[in-house]
Amino acid sequence: MTLENIIIGIATFKRPEGLTALLTSIQEDASAASSSIVVVDNDQHCSARAVVDSFVNLQITYLTESLPGIAAVRNRALDHALAQHADALVFVDDDEFVGQGWMEQLVRTQAQWDADVVCGPVVPVLPDETPSWVRAGRFFDRPSGTTGGDVRWPATNNVLIRLNAPAIAEGTRFKEEFSMTGGSDTDFFYHLRERGANIVWCEEAMVWETVPTSRARLAWLWQRGKRLGNVSARMMTRQHSRSYVASIAVARIAAAVPLAILSLVTRRHPFGHAAMHLPKGIGMLQALNGDLVVEYKRTAQ
């Protein structure tokens, strides 16, 4: 199936500078600029409208979603794409910008591998004042892979989804229960894979993520690690017993410090990846007790 009608879906909430950078990069990528775009604003004050209106050379539909949370916004973009009879929906975040040929690479990989989902790399752009230990530990590095290879944990930060995938036709959507804790994309792709979706990697479809200074610190990394552990446990308990998941969590906690030291000594792997096993393991245990990190809790708008 040739993908002819592709919609780029962008969820946004009070990030005008980030949204501007993203739309500018899409405008500069000929392969992406010809696609239509839907921007779904989760701010009831419509703060993204002025940014969208300034990009007169792009085909953008501006929508608002009053229900707080990323799941509702993603569902709004998905339902819009389905209503427009799009062949595919491409998600990218409002704190990112895309590289030249980004869309072309996603589409090419989809055709080559007859994929239902194509994921690409997200490269962190750290602020100048980032502590040296954060850079050395490569705490913000994300997984890479081989084009055409499998993807362990797909996400919506750089992904093409073919909309005739069986799970989507059956009504699979992003679940509200994950909106404030994160993980709605992990859950969504879990269900797609469970229903036979072919999910592959595209190493050439490059996207960069701008990391704010507030995240390049220990407290934020610790909370993020626990949240990721929360999500892992919630996914694993669908296939394994609670005792099995708890044993994995304990093993991660026990291995974190020795692995981090080994990484520092051998320099073969980033010590940050090893160290993060500690908060992730703790987060797994907390999730088993119903204690979840609410990373995306909203204050009054």
C-alpha atoms as a PDB file:
ATOM      1  CA  MET A   1       0.000   0.000   0.000  1.00  0.00           C
ATOM      2  CA  THR A   2       1.422   3.388  -1.021  1.00  0.00           C
ATOM      3  CA  LEU A   3       1.019   6.103   1.590  1.00  0.00           C
ATOM      4  CA  GLU A   4      -0.380   9.151  -0.159  1.00  0.00           C
ATOM      5  CA  ASN A   5      -2.326  11.045   2.495  1.00  0.00           C
ATOM      6  CA  ILE A   6      -0.061  11.513   5.517  1.00  0.00           C
ATOM      7  CA  ILE A   7      -0.905  13.763   8.445  1.00  0.00           C
ATOM      8  CA  ILE A   8       1.669  14.986  10.950  1.00  0.00           C
ATOM      9  CA  GLY A   9       0.158  15.115  14.443  1.00  0.00           C
ATOM     10  CA  ILE A  10       1.593  17.516  17.012  1.00  0.00           C
ATOM     11  CA  ALA A  11       0.349  17.628  20.595  1.00  0.00           C
ATOM     12  CA  THR A  12       1.219  20.894  22.312  1.00  0.00           C
ATOM     13  CA  PHE A  13       0.786  22.591  25.677  1.00  0.00           C
ATOM     14  CA  LYS A  14       2.283  26.011  26.403  1.00  0.00           C
ATOM     15  CA  ARG A  15       5.469  25.544  24.387  1.00  0.00           C
ATOM     16  CA  PRO A  16       5.327  28.306  21.769  1.00  0.00           C
ATOM     17  CA  GLU A  17       9.108  28.405  21.263  1.00  0.00           C
ATOM     18  CA  GLY A  18       9.336  24.649  20.853  1.00  0.00           C
ATOM     19  CA  LEU A  19       6.368  24.528  18.507  1.00  0.00           C
ATOM     20  CA  THR A  20       7.890  27.306  16.420  1.00  0.00           C
ATOM     21  CA  ALA A  21      11.188  25.422  16.117  1.00  0.00           C
ATOM     22  CA  LEU A  22       9.388  22.223  15.146  1.00  0.00           C
ATOM     23  CA  LEU A  23       7.179  23.825  12.496  1.00  0.00           C
ATOM     24  CA  THR A  24      10.190  25.702  11.099  1.00  0.00           C
ATOM     25  CA  SER A  25      12.087  22.434  10.691  1.00  0.00           C
ATOM     26  CA  ILE A  26       9.087  20.793   9.013  1.00  0.00           C
ATOM     27  CA  GLN A  27       8.807  23.766   6.674  1.00  0.00           C
ATOM     28  CA  GLU A  28      12.488  23.379   5.745  1.00  0.00           C
ATOM     29  CA  ASP A  29      12.166  19.645   5.036  1.00  0.00           C
ATOM     30  CA  ALA A  30      10.615  19.304   1.591  1.00  0.00           C
ATOM     31  CA  SER A  31       9.545  15.739   2.280  1.00  0.00           C
ATOM     32  CA  ALA A  32       7.573  16.835   5.342  1.00  0.00           C
ATOM     33  CA  ALA A  33       6.345  20.261   4.232  1.00  0.00           C
ATOM     34  CA  SER A  34       4.074  18.726   1.593  1.00  0.00           C
ATOM     35  CA  SER A  35       2.172  16.783   4.262  1.00  0.00           C
ATOM     36  CA  SER A  36      -0.797  18.211   6.095  1.00  0.00           C
ATOM     37  CA  ILE A  37      -0.411  18.901   9.802  1.00  0.00           C
ATOM     38  CA  VAL A  38      -2.777  18.857  12.748  1.00  0.00           C
ATOM     39  CA  VAL A  39      -1.769  20.768  15.870  1.00  0.00           C
ATOM     40  CA  VAL A  40      -3.837  19.846  18.915  1.00  0.00           C
ATOM     41  CA  ASP A  41      -3.555  22.452  21.656  1.00  0.00           C
ATOM     42  CA  ASN A  42      -4.285  21.305  25.221  1.00  0.00           C
ATOM     43  CA  ASP A  43      -4.261  24.878  26.524  1.00  0.00           C
ATOM     44  CA  GLN A  44      -7.779  26.245  27.014  1.00  0.00           C
ATOM     45  CA  HIS A  45      -6.397  29.729  26.276  1.00  0.00           C
ATOM     46  CA  CYS A  46      -5.318  28.619  22.772  1.00  0.00           C
ATOM     47  CA  SER A  47      -1.750  29.807  23.266  1.00  0.00           C
ATOM     48  CA  ALA A  48      -0.528  27.874  20.220  1.00  0.00           C
ATOM     49  CA  ARG A  49      -2.897  29.530  17.737  1.00  0.00           C
ATOM     50  CA  ALA A  50      -0.664  32.536  17.056  1.00  0.00           C
ATOM     51  CA  VAL A  51       2.275  30.248  16.299  1.00  0.00           C
ATOM     52  CA  VAL A  52       0.208  28.116  13.931  1.00  0.00           C
ATOM     53  CA  ASP A  53      -1.211  31.156  12.155  1.00  0.00           C
ATOM     54  CA  SER A  54       2.290  32.460  11.459  1.00  0.00           C
ATOM     55  CA  PHE A  55       3.157  29.442   9.282  1.00  0.00           C
ATOM     56  CA  VAL A  56       1.115  30.394   6.247  1.00  0.00           C
ATOM     57  CA  ASN A  57       3.074  28.115   3.897  1.00  0.00           C
ATOM     58  CA  LEU A  58       2.135  24.949   5.776  1.00  0.00           C
ATOM     59  CA  GLN A  59      -1.186  23.093   5.597  1.00  0.00           C
ATOM     60  CA  ILE A  60      -2.110  23.163   9.284  1.00  0.00           C
ATOM     61  CA  THR A  61      -5.384  22.343  11.001  1.00  0.00           C
ATOM     62  CA  TYR A  62      -5.527  23.853  14.474  1.00  0.00           C
ATOM     63  CA  LEU A  63      -7.645  22.022  17.056  1.00  0.00           C
ATOM     64  CA  THR A  64      -8.088  22.404  20.789  1.00  0.00           C
ATOM     65  CA  GLU A  65      -8.686  19.657  23.324  1.00  0.00           C
ATOM     66  CA  SER A  66     -10.286  20.734  26.591  1.00  0.00           C
ATOM     67  CA  LEU A  67      -9.701  17.469  28.459  1.00  0.00           C
ATOM     68  CA  PRO A  68      -6.292  17.773  30.158  1.00  0.00           C
ATOM     69  CA  GLY A  69      -3.703  15.137  29.415  1.00  0.00           C
ATOM     70  CA  ILE A  70      -1.605  13.756  26.602  1.00  0.00           C
ATOM     71  CA  ALA A  71      -3.869  10.754  25.921  1.00  0.00           C
ATOM     72  CA  ALA A  72      -6.842  12.949  25.032  1.00  0.00           C
ATOM     73  CA  VAL A  73      -4.682  15.103  22.756  1.00  0.00           C
ATOM     74  CA  ARG A  74      -3.195  12.121  20.954  1.00  0.00           C
ATOM     75  CA  ASN A  75      -6.655  10.627  20.500  1.00  0.00           C
ATOM     76  CA  ARG A  76      -7.909  13.908  19.057  1.00  0.00           C
ATOM     77  CA  ALA A  77      -5.098  13.858  16.489  1.00  0.00           C
ATOM     78  CA  LEU A  78      -5.762  10.204  15.696  1.00  0.00           C
ATOM     79  CA  ASP A  79      -9.500  10.693  15.283  1.00  0.00           C
ATOM     80  CA  HIS A  80      -8.870  13.719  13.053  1.00  0.00           C
ATOM     81  CA  ALA A  81      -6.566  11.698  10.814  1.00  0.00           C
ATOM     82  CA  LEU A  82      -9.120   8.891  10.556  1.00  0.00           C
ATOM     83  CA  ALA A  83     -11.891  11.374   9.736  1.00  0.00           C
ATOM     84  CA  GLN A  84      -9.702  12.746   6.939  1.00  0.00           C
ATOM     85  CA  HIS A  85      -9.212   9.198   5.611  1.00  0.00           C
ATOM     86  CA  ALA A  86      -5.462   9.550   5.989  1.00  0.00           C
ATOM     87  CA  ASP A  87      -3.251   6.595   5.171  1.00  0.00           C
ATOM     88  CA  ALA A  88      -0.864   7.337   8.034  1.00  0.00           C
ATOM     89  CA  LEU A  89      -0.401   9.562  11.071  1.00  0.00           C
ATOM     90  CA  VAL A  90       3.072  10.719  12.071  1.00  0.00           C
ATOM     91  CA  PHE A  91       3.571  11.882  15.648  1.00  0.00           C
ATOM     92  CA  VAL A  92       6.367  14.239  16.664  1.00  0.00           C
ATOM     93  CA  ASP A  93       6.669  16.290  19.878  1.00  0.00           C
ATOM     94  CA  ASP A  94       6.576  20.051  20.371  1.00  0.00           C
ATOM     95  CA  ASP A  95      10.016  20.102  22.030  1.00  0.00           C
ATOM     96  CA  GLU A  96      11.682  18.544  18.981  1.00  0.00           C
ATOM     97  CA  PHE A  97      12.804  19.473  15.489  1.00  0.00           C
ATOM     98  CA  VAL A  98      13.235  17.229  12.460  1.00  0.00           C
ATOM     99  CA  GLY A  99      16.104  16.721  10.042  1.00  0.00           C
ATOM    100  CA  GLN A 100      16.201  16.971   6.273  1.00  0.00           C
ATOM    101  CA  GLY A 101      14.531  14.005   4.600  1.00  0.00           C
ATOM    102  CA  TRP A 102      12.917  12.901   7.857  1.00  0.00           C
ATOM    103  CA  MET A 103       9.500  12.124   6.397  1.00  0.00           C
ATOM    104  CA  GLU A 104      10.969  10.594   3.263  1.00  0.00           C
ATOM    105  CA  GLN A 105      12.967   8.131   5.359  1.00  0.00           C
ATOM    106  CA  LEU A 106       9.940   7.116   7.443  1.00  0.00           C
ATOM    107  CA  VAL A 107       7.838   6.515   4.326  1.00  0.00           C
ATOM    108  CA  ARG A 108      10.630   4.653   2.531  1.00  0.00           C
ATOM    109  CA  THR A 109      11.166   2.316   5.474  1.00  0.00           C
ATOM    110  CA  GLN A 110       7.439   1.705   5.801  1.00  0.00           C
ATOM    111  CA  ALA A 111       7.224   0.667   2.154  1.00  0.00           C
ATOM    112  CA  GLN A 112      10.346  -1.467   2.239  1.00  0.00           C
ATOM    113  CA  TRP A 113       9.267  -3.467   5.278  1.00  0.00           C
ATOM    114  CA  ASP A 114       5.477  -3.244   4.813  1.00  0.00           C
ATOM    115  CA  ALA A 115       5.374  -1.861   8.328  1.00  0.00           C
ATOM    116  CA  ASP A 116       2.368  -0.829  10.369  1.00  0.00           C
ATOM    117  CA  VAL A 117       4.562   1.335  12.589  1.00  0.00           C
ATOM    118  CA  VAL A 118       7.935   2.947  11.904  1.00  0.00           C
ATOM    119  CA  CYS A 119       9.923   4.503  14.766  1.00  0.00           C
ATOM    120  CA  GLY A 120      12.963   6.744  14.470  1.00  0.00           C
ATOM    121  CA  PRO A 121      15.735   8.032  16.757  1.00  0.00           C
ATOM    122  CA  VAL A 122      15.435  11.062  19.012  1.00  0.00           C
ATOM    123  CA  VAL A 123      18.768  12.756  19.762  1.00  0.00           C
ATOM    124  CA  PRO A 124      18.987  14.973  22.880  1.00  0.00           C
ATOM    125  CA  VAL A 125      20.241  18.549  22.580  1.00  0.00           C
ATOM    126  CA  LEU A 126      21.557  19.490  26.024  1.00  0.00           C
ATOM    127  CA  PRO A 127      21.782  23.082  27.294  1.00  0.00           C
ATOM    128  CA  ASP A 128      25.245  24.616  27.685  1.00  0.00           C
ATOM    129  CA  GLU A 129      24.962  24.624  31.484  1.00  0.00           C
ATOM    130  CA  THR A 130      24.356  20.857  31.693  1.00  0.00           C
ATOM    131  CA  PRO A 131      26.471  19.339  34.518  1.00  0.00           C
ATOM    132  CA  SER A 132      29.470  17.356  33.294  1.00  0.00           C
ATOM    133  CA  TRP A 133      28.281  14.181  35.049  1.00  0.00           C
ATOM    134  CA  VAL A 134      25.001  14.277  33.103  1.00  0.00           C
ATOM    135  CA  ARG A 135      26.872  14.582  29.802  1.00  0.00           C
ATOM    136  CA  ALA A 136      29.392  11.894  30.734  1.00  0.00           C
ATOM    137  CA  GLY A 137      26.685   9.500  31.880  1.00  0.00           C
ATOM    138  CA  ARG A 138      24.632  10.099  28.720  1.00  0.00           C
ATOM    139  CA  PHE A 139      21.488  10.018  30.820  1.00  0.00           C
ATOM    140  CA  PHE A 140      19.366  11.463  28.025  1.00  0.00           C
ATOM    141  CA  ASP A 141      20.581   9.171  25.251  1.00  0.00           C
ATOM    142  CA  ARG A 142      17.795   7.128  23.713  1.00  0.00           C
ATOM    143  CA  PRO A 143      18.020   3.698  22.082  1.00  0.00           C
ATOM    144  CA  SER A 144      19.076   3.402  18.467  1.00  0.00           C
ATOM    145  CA  GLY A 145      18.773   0.429  16.161  1.00  0.00           C
ATOM    146  CA  THR A 146      19.134  -1.036  12.721  1.00  0.00           C
ATOM    147  CA  THR A 147      16.716   0.039  10.014  1.00  0.00           C
ATOM    148  CA  GLY A 148      14.125  -2.675   9.563  1.00  0.00           C
ATOM    149  CA  GLY A 149      14.854  -4.137  12.994  1.00  0.00           C
ATOM    150  CA  ASP A 150      12.395  -4.627  15.836  1.00  0.00           C
ATOM    151  CA  VAL A 151      11.573  -1.900  18.357  1.00  0.00           C
ATOM    152  CA  ARG A 152      11.311  -2.844  22.007  1.00  0.00           C
ATOM    153  CA  TRP A 153       9.455   0.204  23.349  1.00  0.00           C
ATOM    154  CA  PRO A 154       7.853   2.324  20.586  1.00  0.00           C
ATOM    155  CA  ALA A 155       6.907   5.890  21.501  1.00  0.00           C
ATOM    156  CA  THR A 156       5.110   8.825  19.916  1.00  0.00           C
ATOM    157  CA  ASN A 157       8.104  11.169  19.818  1.00  0.00           C
ATOM    158  CA  ASN A 158       9.060  10.108  16.267  1.00  0.00           C
ATOM    159  CA  VAL A 159       6.737   7.554  14.732  1.00  0.00           C
ATOM    160  CA  LEU A 160       4.670   6.792  11.640  1.00  0.00           C
ATOM    161  CA  ILE A 161       1.489   4.765  12.161  1.00  0.00           C
ATOM    162  CA  ARG A 162      -0.363   3.178   9.272  1.00  0.00           C
ATOM    163  CA  LEU A 163      -4.022   3.783   9.997  1.00  0.00           C
ATOM    164  CA  ASN A 164      -5.384   0.598   8.466  1.00  0.00           C
ATOM    165  CA  ALA A 165      -3.629  -1.455  11.138  1.00  0.00           C
ATOM    166  CA  PRO A 166      -6.201  -3.937  12.538  1.00  0.00           C
ATOM    167  CA  ALA A 167      -5.906  -2.720  16.124  1.00  0.00           C
ATOM    168  CA  ILE A 168      -6.762   0.849  15.149  1.00  0.00           C
ATOM    169  CA  ALA A 169      -9.734  -0.295  13.102  1.00  0.00           C
ATOM    170  CA  GLU A 170     -10.873  -2.220  16.190  1.00  0.00           C
ATOM    171  CA  GLY A 171     -10.811   0.984  18.234  1.00  0.00           C
ATOM    172  CA  THR A 172      -7.452   0.917  20.021  1.00  0.00           C
ATOM    173  CA  ARG A 173      -6.814   4.373  21.463  1.00  0.00           C
ATOM    174  CA  PHE A 174      -4.557   6.071  24.014  1.00  0.00           C
ATOM    175  CA  LYS A 175      -5.897   5.401  27.514  1.00  0.00           C
ATOM    176  CA  GLU A 176      -6.790   8.249  29.850  1.00  0.00           C
ATOM    177  CA  GLU A 177      -5.522   6.319  32.873  1.00  0.00           C
ATOM    178  CA  PHE A 178      -1.963   6.989  31.658  1.00  0.00           C
ATOM    179  CA  SER A 179      -2.403  10.693  30.907  1.00  0.00           C
ATOM    180  CA  MET A 180      -0.917  12.125  34.095  1.00  0.00           C
ATOM    181  CA  THR A 181       1.575   9.326  34.750  1.00  0.00           C
ATOM    182  CA  GLY A 182       2.883   8.846  31.229  1.00  0.00           C
ATOM    183  CA  GLY A 183       2.947   5.560  29.369  1.00  0.00           C
ATOM    184  CA  SER A 184      -0.140   5.943  27.170  1.00  0.00           C
ATOM    185  CA  ASP A 185       2.024   5.509  24.066  1.00  0.00           C
ATOM    186  CA  THR A 186       3.705   2.411  25.531  1.00  0.00           C
ATOM    187  CA  ASP A 187       0.273   0.938  26.236  1.00  0.00           C
ATOM    188  CA  PHE A 188      -1.016   1.911  22.775  1.00  0.00           C
ATOM    189  CA  PHE A 189       1.819   0.208  20.916  1.00  0.00           C
ATOM    190  CA  TYR A 190       1.599  -2.789  23.249  1.00  0.00           C
ATOM    191  CA  HIS A 191      -1.941  -3.372  21.994  1.00  0.00           C
ATOM    192  CA  LEU A 192      -0.933  -2.833  18.367  1.00  0.00           C
ATOM    193  CA  ARG A 193       1.876  -5.396  18.678  1.00  0.00           C
ATOM    194  CA  GLU A 194      -0.454  -7.796  20.483  1.00  0.00           C
ATOM    195  CA  ARG A 195      -2.763  -7.666  17.450  1.00  0.00           C
ATOM    196  CA  GLY A 196       0.016  -8.442  15.025  1.00  0.00           C
ATOM    197  CA  ALA A 197       1.308  -4.998  14.030  1.00  0.00           C
ATOM    198  CA  ASN A 198       4.677  -5.015  12.265  1.00  0.00           C
ATOM    199  CA  ILE A 199       6.766  -2.426  14.135  1.00  0.00           C
ATOM    200  CA  VAL A 200      10.191  -1.541  12.715  1.00  0.00           C
ATOM    201  CA  TRP A 201      13.010   0.940  13.244  1.00  0.00           C
ATOM    202  CA  CYS A 202      14.318   3.614  10.857  1.00  0.00           C
ATOM    203  CA  GLU A 203      17.739   4.862  11.914  1.00  0.00           C
ATOM    204  CA  GLU A 204      17.833   7.527   9.180  1.00  0.00           C
ATOM    205  CA  ALA A 205      14.646   9.417  10.220  1.00  0.00           C
ATOM    206  CA  MET A 206      16.376  11.831  12.581  1.00  0.00           C
ATOM    207  CA  VAL A 207      14.668  14.004  15.177  1.00  0.00           C
ATOM    208  CA  TRP A 208      16.344  16.163  17.843  1.00  0.00           C
ATOM    209  CA  GLU A 209      14.876  16.903  21.279  1.00  0.00           C
ATOM    210  CA  THR A 210      15.666  20.138  23.115  1.00  0.00           C
ATOM    211  CA  VAL A 211      16.291  19.295  26.779  1.00  0.00           C
ATOM    212  CA  PRO A 212      15.459  22.165  29.186  1.00  0.00           C
ATOM    213  CA  THR A 213      17.902  23.057  31.951  1.00  0.00           C
ATOM    214  CA  SER A 214      15.347  22.031  34.587  1.00  0.00           C
ATOM    215  CA  ARG A 215      15.650  18.414  33.487  1.00  0.00           C
ATOM    216  CA  ALA A 216      19.445  18.172  33.585  1.00  0.00           C
ATOM    217  CA  ARG A 217      19.557  17.565  37.327  1.00  0.00           C
ATOM    218  CA  LEU A 218      19.466  14.628  39.705  1.00  0.00           C
ATOM    219  CA  ALA A 219      15.983  15.215  41.150  1.00  0.00           C
ATOM    220  CA  TRP A 220      14.334  15.209  37.728  1.00  0.00           C
ATOM    221  CA  LEU A 221      16.262  12.146  36.523  1.00  0.00           C
ATOM    222  CA  TRP A 222      15.341  10.275  39.711  1.00  0.00           C
ATOM    223  CA  GLN A 223      11.636  10.999  39.263  1.00  0.00           C
ATOM    224  CA  ARG A 224      11.779  10.140  35.556  1.00  0.00           C
ATOM    225  CA  GLY A 225      13.482   6.839  36.350  1.00  0.00           C
ATOM    226  CA  LYS A 226      10.771   5.922  38.853  1.00  0.00           C
ATOM    227  CA  ARG A 227       8.064   6.872  36.357  1.00  0.00           C
ATOM    228  CA  LEU A 228       9.617   4.677  33.676  1.00  0.00           C
ATOM    229  CA  GLY A 229       9.785   1.873  36.219  1.00  0.00           C
ATOM    230  CA  ASN A 230       6.087   2.438  36.957  1.00  0.00           C
ATOM    231  CA  VAL A 231       5.259   1.992  33.276  1.00  0.00           C
ATOM    232  CA  SER A 232       7.442  -1.116  32.921  1.00  0.00           C
ATOM    233  CA  ALA A 233       5.722  -2.819  35.850  1.00  0.00           C
ATOM    234  CA  ARG A 234       2.252  -1.936  34.573  1.00  0.00           C
ATOM    235  CA  MET A 235       3.099  -3.479  31.214  1.00  0.00           C
ATOM    236  CA  MET A 236       4.847  -6.566  32.617  1.00  0.00           C
ATOM    237  CA  THR A 237       2.021  -7.530  34.972  1.00  0.00           C
ATOM    238  CA  ARG A 238      -0.162  -8.152  31.918  1.00  0.00           C
ATOM    239  CA  GLN A 239       1.945 -11.190  31.075  1.00  0.00           C
ATOM    240  CA  HIS A 240       3.700 -12.101  34.324  1.00  0.00           C
ATOM    241  CA  SER A 241       2.872 -12.607  37.991  1.00  0.00           C
ATOM    242  CA  ARG A 242       3.409  -9.835  40.504  1.00  0.00           C
ATOM    243  CA  SER A 243       6.107 -11.904  42.224  1.00  0.00           C
ATOM    244  CA  TYR A 244       8.006 -12.258  38.942  1.00  0.00           C
ATOM    245  CA  VAL A 245       7.842  -8.507  38.274  1.00  0.00           C
ATOM    246  CA  ALA A 246       8.963  -7.825  41.851  1.00  0.00           C
ATOM    247  CA  SER A 247      11.952 -10.132  41.384  1.00  0.00           C
ATOM    248  CA  ILE A 248      12.970  -8.233  38.253  1.00  0.00           C
ATOM    249  CA  ALA A 249      12.664  -4.947  40.146  1.00  0.00           C
ATOM    250  CA  VAL A 250      14.831  -6.207  43.025  1.00  0.00           C
ATOM    251  CA  ALA A 251      17.425  -7.506  40.563  1.00  0.00           C
ATOM    252  CA  ARG A 252      17.598  -4.086  38.878  1.00  0.00           C
ATOM    253  CA  ILE A 253      18.063  -2.335  42.225  1.00  0.00           C
ATOM    254  CA  ALA A 254      20.802  -4.756  43.272  1.00  0.00           C
ATOM    255  CA  ALA A 255      22.642  -4.520  39.957  1.00  0.00           C
ATOM    256  CA  ALA A 256      22.473  -0.747  39.480  1.00  0.00           C
ATOM    257  CA  VAL A 257      25.531   0.359  41.476  1.00  0.00           C
ATOM    258  CA  PRO A 258      27.853  -2.521  40.421  1.00  0.00           C
ATOM    259  CA  LEU A 259      26.902  -2.031  36.769  1.00  0.00           C
ATOM    260  CA  ALA A 260      27.449   1.719  36.986  1.00  0.00           C
ATOM    261  CA  ILE A 261      30.902   1.204  38.533  1.00  0.00           C
ATOM    262  CA  LEU A 262      31.765  -1.368  35.862  1.00  0.00           C
ATOM    263  CA  SER A 263      30.669   1.049  33.165  1.00  0.00           C
ATOM    264  CA  LEU A 264      32.837   3.796  34.638  1.00  0.00           C
ATOM    265  CA  VAL A 265      35.869   1.497  34.780  1.00  0.00           C
ATOM    266  CA  THR A 266      35.522  -0.129  31.368  1.00  0.00           C
ATOM    267  CA  ARG A 267      33.968   2.863  29.554  1.00  0.00           C
ATOM    268  CA  ARG A 268      32.195   0.382  27.282  1.00  0.00           C
ATOM    269  CA  HIS A 269      28.683   1.531  28.190  1.00  0.00           C
ATOM    270  CA  PRO A 270      27.244   4.812  29.521  1.00  0.00           C
ATOM    271  CA  PHE A 271      27.202   4.666  33.310  1.00  0.00           C
ATOM    272  CA  GLY A 272      23.982   6.685  33.326  1.00  0.00           C
ATOM    273  CA  HIS A 273      22.048   3.829  31.730  1.00  0.00           C
ATOM    274  CA  ALA A 274      23.276   1.439  34.424  1.00  0.00           C
ATOM    275  CA  ALA A 275      22.639   3.868  37.281  1.00  0.00           C
ATOM    276  CA  MET A 276      19.040   4.407  36.148  1.00  0.00           C
ATOM    277  CA  HIS A 277      18.267   0.781  37.024  1.00  0.00           C
ATOM    278  CA  LEU A 278      18.048   1.965  40.650  1.00  0.00           C
ATOM    279  CA  PRO A 279      15.127   4.424  40.343  1.00  0.00           C
ATOM    280  CA  LYS A 280      13.510   2.236  37.695  1.00  0.00           C
ATOM    281  CA  GLY A 281      13.570  -0.776  40.001  1.00  0.00           C
ATOM    282  CA  ILE A 282      12.148   1.298  42.839  1.00  0.00           C
ATOM    283  CA  GLY A 283       9.462   2.618  40.498  1.00  0.00           C
ATOM    284  CA  MET A 284       8.516  -0.935  39.549  1.00  0.00           C
ATOM    285  CA  LEU A 285       8.028  -1.910  43.176  1.00  0.00           C
ATOM    286  CA  GLN A 286       6.026   1.231  43.869  1.00  0.00           C
ATOM    287  CA  ALA A 287       3.736   0.535  40.903  1.00  0.00           C
ATOM    288  CA  LEU A 288       2.994  -2.932  42.277  1.00  0.00           C
ATOM    289  CA  ASN A 289       1.679  -1.156  45.383  1.00  0.00           C
ATOM    290  CA  GLY A 290      -0.331   1.358  43.377  1.00  0.00           C
ATOM    291  CA  ASP A 291       2.083   4.218  44.086  1.00  0.00           C
ATOM    292  CA  LEU A 292       2.550   6.039  40.763  1.00  0.00           C
ATOM    293  CA  VAL A 293       4.606   9.080  39.862  1.00  0.00           C
ATOM    294  CA  VAL A 294       2.238  11.749  38.518  1.00  0.00           C
ATOM    295  CA  GLU A 295       4.767  13.534  36.324  1.00  0.00           C
ATOM    296  CA  TYR A 296       2.254  15.420  34.235  1.00  0.00           C
ATOM    297  CA  LYS A 297      -0.044  16.699  36.975  1.00  0.00           C
ATOM    298  CA  ARG A 298      -1.613  19.992  35.957  1.00  0.00           C
ATOM    299  CA  THR A 299      -2.002  23.087  38.040  1.00  0.00           C
ATOM    300  CA  ALA A 300      -4.976  25.341  37.351  1.00  0.00           C
ATOM    301  CA  GLN A 301      -4.725  26.917  33.904  1.00  0.00           C
END
